[in-house]
Amino acid sequence: MYGERGRIGLITLASDTSVLPEYQRMMPDGVAVYPAPIVLPRGEVTPDALAEMLASDALERAAALLTWAEVGVILFACTSGSLVHGVGWDRQLIDRIEAAANLPAMTTTTAVLAALRAVGATSLAVATPYLDEVNEIERRFFAESGYRVAAIAGLQLATDREIGRLSPADAERLVATVDCPDADAIFVSCTNFHVVEAIATMEARHRKPIVTSNQAGAWAALRQIGIIDAIPGFGRLLSSASSTSPSTEKETIHV
């Protein structure tokens, strides 16, 4: 049987070609990941398209489908989509998923905040593939969540297809440009940014924690279903066994 130790459900974007392969790479033996996609209108990673996607009942329909796979948690795997309306929006999405599926839920943004807290971050350098208008929403979100954003830079890509063509080498180059002495951690944003193989290398080079959207999501979802294995090769967040679990309080996580 697949997933004998646990099963994770992901609500993904149909245009996201990186999220499922990255999660699968990080899963320990006996844990399986099952996706249910929703459609990002026109494939555009813009505030309007993200808001349009989540104004429908597509999220609820995807959550209901995942119950057939008997998953233990459902994670909405989209960074920009789970913060597009600011602080508290992730909690609204969680409530919608839990109502539709009667299962514990989280979002990428919720997981990232918990992961940043776990690595002791207070000041961030943020690397994204996004347009400046999305970066400004993200910068404001982290600032209002209690972080200093020392630097943020994006690749100015407007579509999910463009983002999905990026490589770990692209991530390494972007991180090298955005890192700065005032940042004590680096966040690489976007579930469609292919980066997971480069996390350990970048941590060694920059000598500070690297948190990515999919790494944080995998870490949080695993702990939600009681899996605390050390998973080497994907940065310090996953490299040591820990019983630390993300917050399950009914409000947005703050640090």
Protein backbone atom coordinates (compact mmCIF):
# COMPACT_ATOMS: atom_id res chain seq x y z
CA MET A 1 0.00 0.00 0.00
CA TYR A 2 1.26 3.46 -0.84
CA GLY A 3 1.26 5.96 2.00
CA GLU A 4 1.21 3.42 4.80
CA ARG A 5 2.84 5.94 7.17
CA GLY A 6 0.81 8.91 6.03
CA ARG A 7 -0.74 10.74 3.09
CA ILE A 8 -0.60 14.43 2.23
CA GLY A 9 -3.11 16.12 -0.07
CA LEU A 10 -2.04 19.12 -2.13
CA ILE A 11 -4.35 21.60 -3.80
CA THR A 12 -2.06 22.68 -6.62
CA LEU A 13 -2.33 24.96 -9.62
CA ALA A 14 -2.79 23.03 -12.86
CA SER A 15 -0.01 25.12 -14.41
CA ASP A 16 2.46 24.41 -11.57
CA THR A 17 4.92 21.81 -12.89
CA SER A 18 7.38 21.93 -9.96
CA VAL A 19 5.33 21.50 -6.80
CA LEU A 20 4.51 17.80 -7.00
CA PRO A 21 8.01 16.64 -8.06
CA GLU A 22 9.59 18.70 -5.28
CA TYR A 23 7.26 17.35 -2.59
CA GLN A 24 7.83 13.80 -3.79
CA ARG A 25 11.61 14.25 -3.57
CA MET A 26 11.36 15.33 0.07
CA MET A 27 9.02 12.62 1.32
CA PRO A 28 10.46 9.89 3.57
CA ASP A 29 9.68 6.26 2.85
CA GLY A 30 6.07 5.36 3.46
CA VAL A 31 4.62 8.85 2.92
CA ALA A 32 2.67 9.63 -0.26
CA VAL A 33 1.49 12.91 -1.80
CA TYR A 34 -1.72 13.28 -3.79
CA PRO A 35 -2.64 16.38 -5.85
CA ALA A 36 -5.92 18.00 -6.83
CA PRO A 37 -5.38 20.89 -9.26
CA ILE A 38 -7.29 24.11 -9.73
CA VAL A 39 -6.89 26.51 -12.65
CA LEU A 40 -5.11 29.85 -12.43
CA PRO A 41 -6.98 32.08 -14.89
CA ARG A 42 -4.92 32.64 -18.02
CA GLY A 43 -1.94 31.21 -16.14
CA GLU A 44 -1.16 34.73 -14.92
CA VAL A 45 0.66 35.22 -11.62
CA THR A 46 -0.94 38.59 -10.97
CA PRO A 47 -3.06 39.87 -8.09
CA ASP A 48 -6.18 39.96 -10.26
CA ALA A 49 -5.79 36.39 -11.56
CA LEU A 50 -4.97 35.01 -8.11
CA ALA A 51 -8.01 36.71 -6.60
CA GLU A 52 -10.22 35.50 -9.45
CA MET A 53 -9.05 31.91 -8.94
CA LEU A 54 -9.96 31.95 -5.27
CA ALA A 55 -13.28 33.77 -5.65
CA SER A 56 -14.86 30.60 -7.05
CA ASP A 57 -15.60 27.29 -5.32
CA ALA A 58 -12.67 25.55 -7.06
CA LEU A 59 -10.77 25.37 -3.77
CA GLU A 60 -13.62 23.58 -2.04
CA ARG A 61 -14.17 21.17 -4.92
CA ALA A 62 -10.49 20.21 -4.95
CA ALA A 63 -10.50 19.70 -1.18
CA ALA A 64 -13.52 17.41 -1.43
CA LEU A 65 -11.80 15.32 -4.11
CA LEU A 66 -8.77 14.74 -1.87
CA THR A 67 -10.91 13.05 0.77
CA TRP A 68 -11.15 10.06 -1.58
CA ALA A 69 -7.39 9.51 -1.16
CA GLU A 70 -7.78 9.35 2.64
CA VAL A 71 -5.17 12.04 3.23
CA GLY A 72 -4.33 13.22 6.72
CA VAL A 73 -3.89 16.89 5.86
CA ILE A 74 -4.65 19.16 2.91
CA LEU A 75 -2.28 21.97 1.97
CA PHE A 76 -3.14 24.72 -0.50
CA ALA A 77 0.15 24.88 -2.39
CA CYS A 78 0.37 28.42 -3.71
CA THR A 79 2.43 31.11 -2.00
CA SER A 80 1.15 34.23 -3.73
CA GLY A 81 -2.43 32.94 -3.74
CA SER A 82 -2.39 32.38 0.01
CA LEU A 83 -1.21 35.92 0.80
CA VAL A 84 -2.75 37.95 -2.03
CA HIS A 85 -5.33 39.53 0.30
CA GLY A 86 -2.88 40.12 3.14
CA VAL A 87 -2.58 38.92 6.71
CA GLY A 88 -5.45 36.65 7.70
CA TRP A 89 -6.26 35.51 4.16
CA ASP A 90 -4.48 32.19 4.71
CA ARG A 91 -6.73 31.54 7.71
CA GLN A 92 -9.82 32.16 5.57
CA LEU A 93 -8.57 29.66 3.00
CA ILE A 94 -7.86 27.10 5.72
CA ASP A 95 -11.39 27.50 7.08
CA ARG A 96 -12.84 26.95 3.60
CA ILE A 97 -10.80 23.80 3.01
CA GLU A 98 -11.57 22.35 6.44
CA ALA A 99 -15.29 23.00 5.97
CA ALA A 100 -15.27 21.28 2.57
CA ALA A 101 -13.17 18.25 3.56
CA ASN A 102 -13.54 17.91 7.33
CA LEU A 103 -9.76 17.48 7.54
CA PRO A 104 -6.90 19.57 8.95
CA ALA A 105 -5.66 22.12 6.43
CA MET A 106 -2.87 24.61 5.93
CA THR A 107 -1.50 26.85 3.20
CA THR A 108 1.99 27.44 1.87
CA THR A 109 2.06 30.85 3.53
CA THR A 110 1.02 29.43 6.90
CA ALA A 111 3.77 26.81 6.59
CA VAL A 112 6.38 29.40 5.61
CA LEU A 113 5.64 31.54 8.65
CA ALA A 114 5.98 28.50 10.92
CA ALA A 115 9.21 27.46 9.19
CA LEU A 116 10.73 30.93 9.52
CA ARG A 117 9.91 30.89 13.20
CA ALA A 118 11.47 27.42 13.54
CA VAL A 119 14.79 28.58 12.07
CA GLY A 120 14.81 31.72 14.22
CA ALA A 121 14.45 34.23 11.40
CA THR A 122 13.77 37.88 12.16
CA SER A 123 15.01 39.70 9.04
CA LEU A 124 14.52 38.36 5.52
CA ALA A 125 16.02 38.52 2.07
CA VAL A 126 13.22 37.40 -0.26
CA ALA A 127 13.87 35.97 -3.73
CA THR A 128 10.87 35.52 -6.04
CA PRO A 129 10.08 34.96 -9.70
CA TYR A 130 7.24 37.49 -9.48
CA LEU A 131 6.36 40.88 -10.89
CA ASP A 132 6.97 43.89 -8.66
CA GLU A 133 3.24 44.27 -7.93
CA VAL A 134 3.18 40.78 -6.40
CA ASN A 135 6.48 41.39 -4.60
CA GLU A 136 5.03 44.47 -2.94
CA ILE A 137 2.09 42.44 -1.60
CA GLU A 138 4.53 39.83 -0.30
CA ARG A 139 6.83 42.43 1.27
CA ARG A 140 3.89 44.03 3.06
CA PHE A 141 2.61 40.63 4.21
CA PHE A 142 5.90 39.70 5.87
CA ALA A 143 6.30 43.14 7.41
CA GLU A 144 2.82 42.94 8.92
CA SER A 145 3.61 39.42 10.15
CA GLY A 146 6.50 40.75 12.23
CA TYR A 147 9.52 40.44 9.94
CA ARG A 148 11.92 43.02 8.67
CA VAL A 149 12.27 42.61 4.90
CA ALA A 150 15.87 43.64 4.35
CA ALA A 151 15.69 43.00 0.59
CA ILE A 152 13.30 41.59 -1.99
CA ALA A 153 13.92 40.93 -5.68
CA GLY A 154 11.91 39.22 -8.40
CA LEU A 155 12.53 37.94 -11.91
CA GLN A 156 9.52 39.83 -13.34
CA LEU A 157 7.79 36.74 -14.72
CA ALA A 158 4.07 37.12 -15.30
CA THR A 159 2.97 33.55 -16.03
CA ASP A 160 3.21 30.21 -14.29
CA ARG A 161 4.57 28.58 -17.44
CA GLU A 162 7.54 30.96 -17.45
CA ILE A 163 8.19 30.31 -13.78
CA GLY A 164 8.06 26.55 -14.29
CA ARG A 165 10.92 26.77 -16.79
CA LEU A 166 13.33 28.13 -14.17
CA SER A 167 16.15 25.96 -12.85
CA PRO A 168 17.94 25.65 -9.50
CA ALA A 169 20.82 27.59 -11.08
CA ASP A 170 18.41 30.49 -11.70
CA ALA A 171 17.46 30.37 -8.03
CA GLU A 172 21.10 30.39 -6.95
CA ARG A 173 21.85 33.45 -9.08
CA LEU A 174 18.81 35.31 -7.78
CA VAL A 175 19.60 34.49 -4.16
CA ALA A 176 23.17 35.73 -4.66
CA THR A 177 21.82 39.11 -5.78
CA VAL A 178 19.25 39.53 -3.00
CA ASP A 179 21.21 38.29 0.02
CA CYS A 180 22.54 41.02 2.27
CA PRO A 181 24.22 41.30 5.69
CA ASP A 182 21.04 42.61 7.33
CA ALA A 183 19.11 39.41 6.52
CA ASP A 184 19.44 36.49 8.92
CA ALA A 185 17.45 34.13 6.65
CA ILE A 186 16.58 33.86 2.97
CA PHE A 187 13.13 32.96 1.67
CA VAL A 188 12.75 31.66 -1.90
CA SER A 189 9.11 32.16 -2.82
CA CYS A 190 6.81 30.26 -5.21
CA THR A 191 5.82 26.60 -5.32
CA ASN A 192 6.59 26.53 -9.06
CA PHE A 193 10.19 27.74 -8.61
CA HIS A 194 12.41 24.67 -9.12
CA VAL A 195 14.92 25.12 -6.31
CA VAL A 196 14.89 22.20 -3.90
CA GLU A 197 18.18 20.60 -5.04
CA ALA A 198 20.02 23.88 -4.42
CA ILE A 199 18.90 24.54 -0.84
CA ALA A 200 21.81 22.84 0.95
CA THR A 201 24.38 24.38 -1.40
CA MET A 202 22.95 27.87 -0.89
CA GLU A 203 22.87 27.46 2.88
CA ALA A 204 26.56 26.53 2.87
CA ARG A 205 27.42 29.43 0.57
CA HIS A 206 25.40 32.12 2.34
CA ARG A 207 25.81 30.76 5.88
CA LYS A 208 22.20 31.33 6.88
CA PRO A 209 18.95 29.35 6.73
CA ILE A 210 17.22 29.00 3.38
CA VAL A 211 13.46 28.48 3.48
CA THR A 212 11.54 27.74 0.28
CA SER A 213 7.83 27.47 -0.37
CA ASN A 214 7.80 23.72 -1.03
CA GLN A 215 10.39 22.83 1.61
CA ALA A 216 8.36 24.69 4.25
CA GLY A 217 5.13 23.12 3.06
CA ALA A 218 6.58 19.60 3.15
CA TRP A 219 8.02 20.18 6.63
CA ALA A 220 4.74 21.52 8.01
CA ALA A 221 2.54 18.88 6.39
CA LEU A 222 4.76 16.03 7.57
CA ARG A 223 4.64 17.25 11.14
CA GLN A 224 0.89 17.70 10.95
CA ILE A 225 0.56 13.96 10.25
CA GLY A 226 3.10 13.02 12.92
CA ILE A 227 6.17 12.37 10.73
CA ILE A 228 9.30 13.89 12.30
CA ASP A 229 12.06 12.07 10.37
CA ALA A 230 15.33 13.83 9.63
CA ILE A 231 15.45 14.31 5.85
CA PRO A 232 18.98 15.30 4.78
CA GLY A 233 19.84 17.22 1.64
CA PHE A 234 17.15 19.89 1.74
CA GLY A 235 18.45 22.41 4.25
CA ARG A 236 18.51 22.67 7.99
CA LEU A 237 14.71 22.89 8.33
CA LEU A 238 14.30 19.25 7.30
CA SER A 239 17.72 17.89 8.22
CA SER A 240 17.08 17.08 11.87
CA ALA A 241 14.31 15.06 13.48
CA SER A 242 12.01 17.31 15.44
CA SER A 243 8.67 17.07 17.13
CA THR A 244 8.07 20.79 16.62
CA SER A 245 4.71 21.19 14.92
CA PRO A 246 3.24 24.17 13.10
CA SER A 247 0.64 26.14 15.02
CA THR A 248 -2.91 24.89 14.62
CA GLU A 249 -4.48 27.89 16.31
CA LYS A 250 -7.50 29.41 14.60
CA GLU A 251 -5.74 32.68 13.86
CA THR A 252 -2.96 33.41 11.41
CA ILE A 253 0.48 32.51 12.75
CA HIS A 254 2.47 35.55 13.85
CA VAL A 255 6.06 35.69 15.03
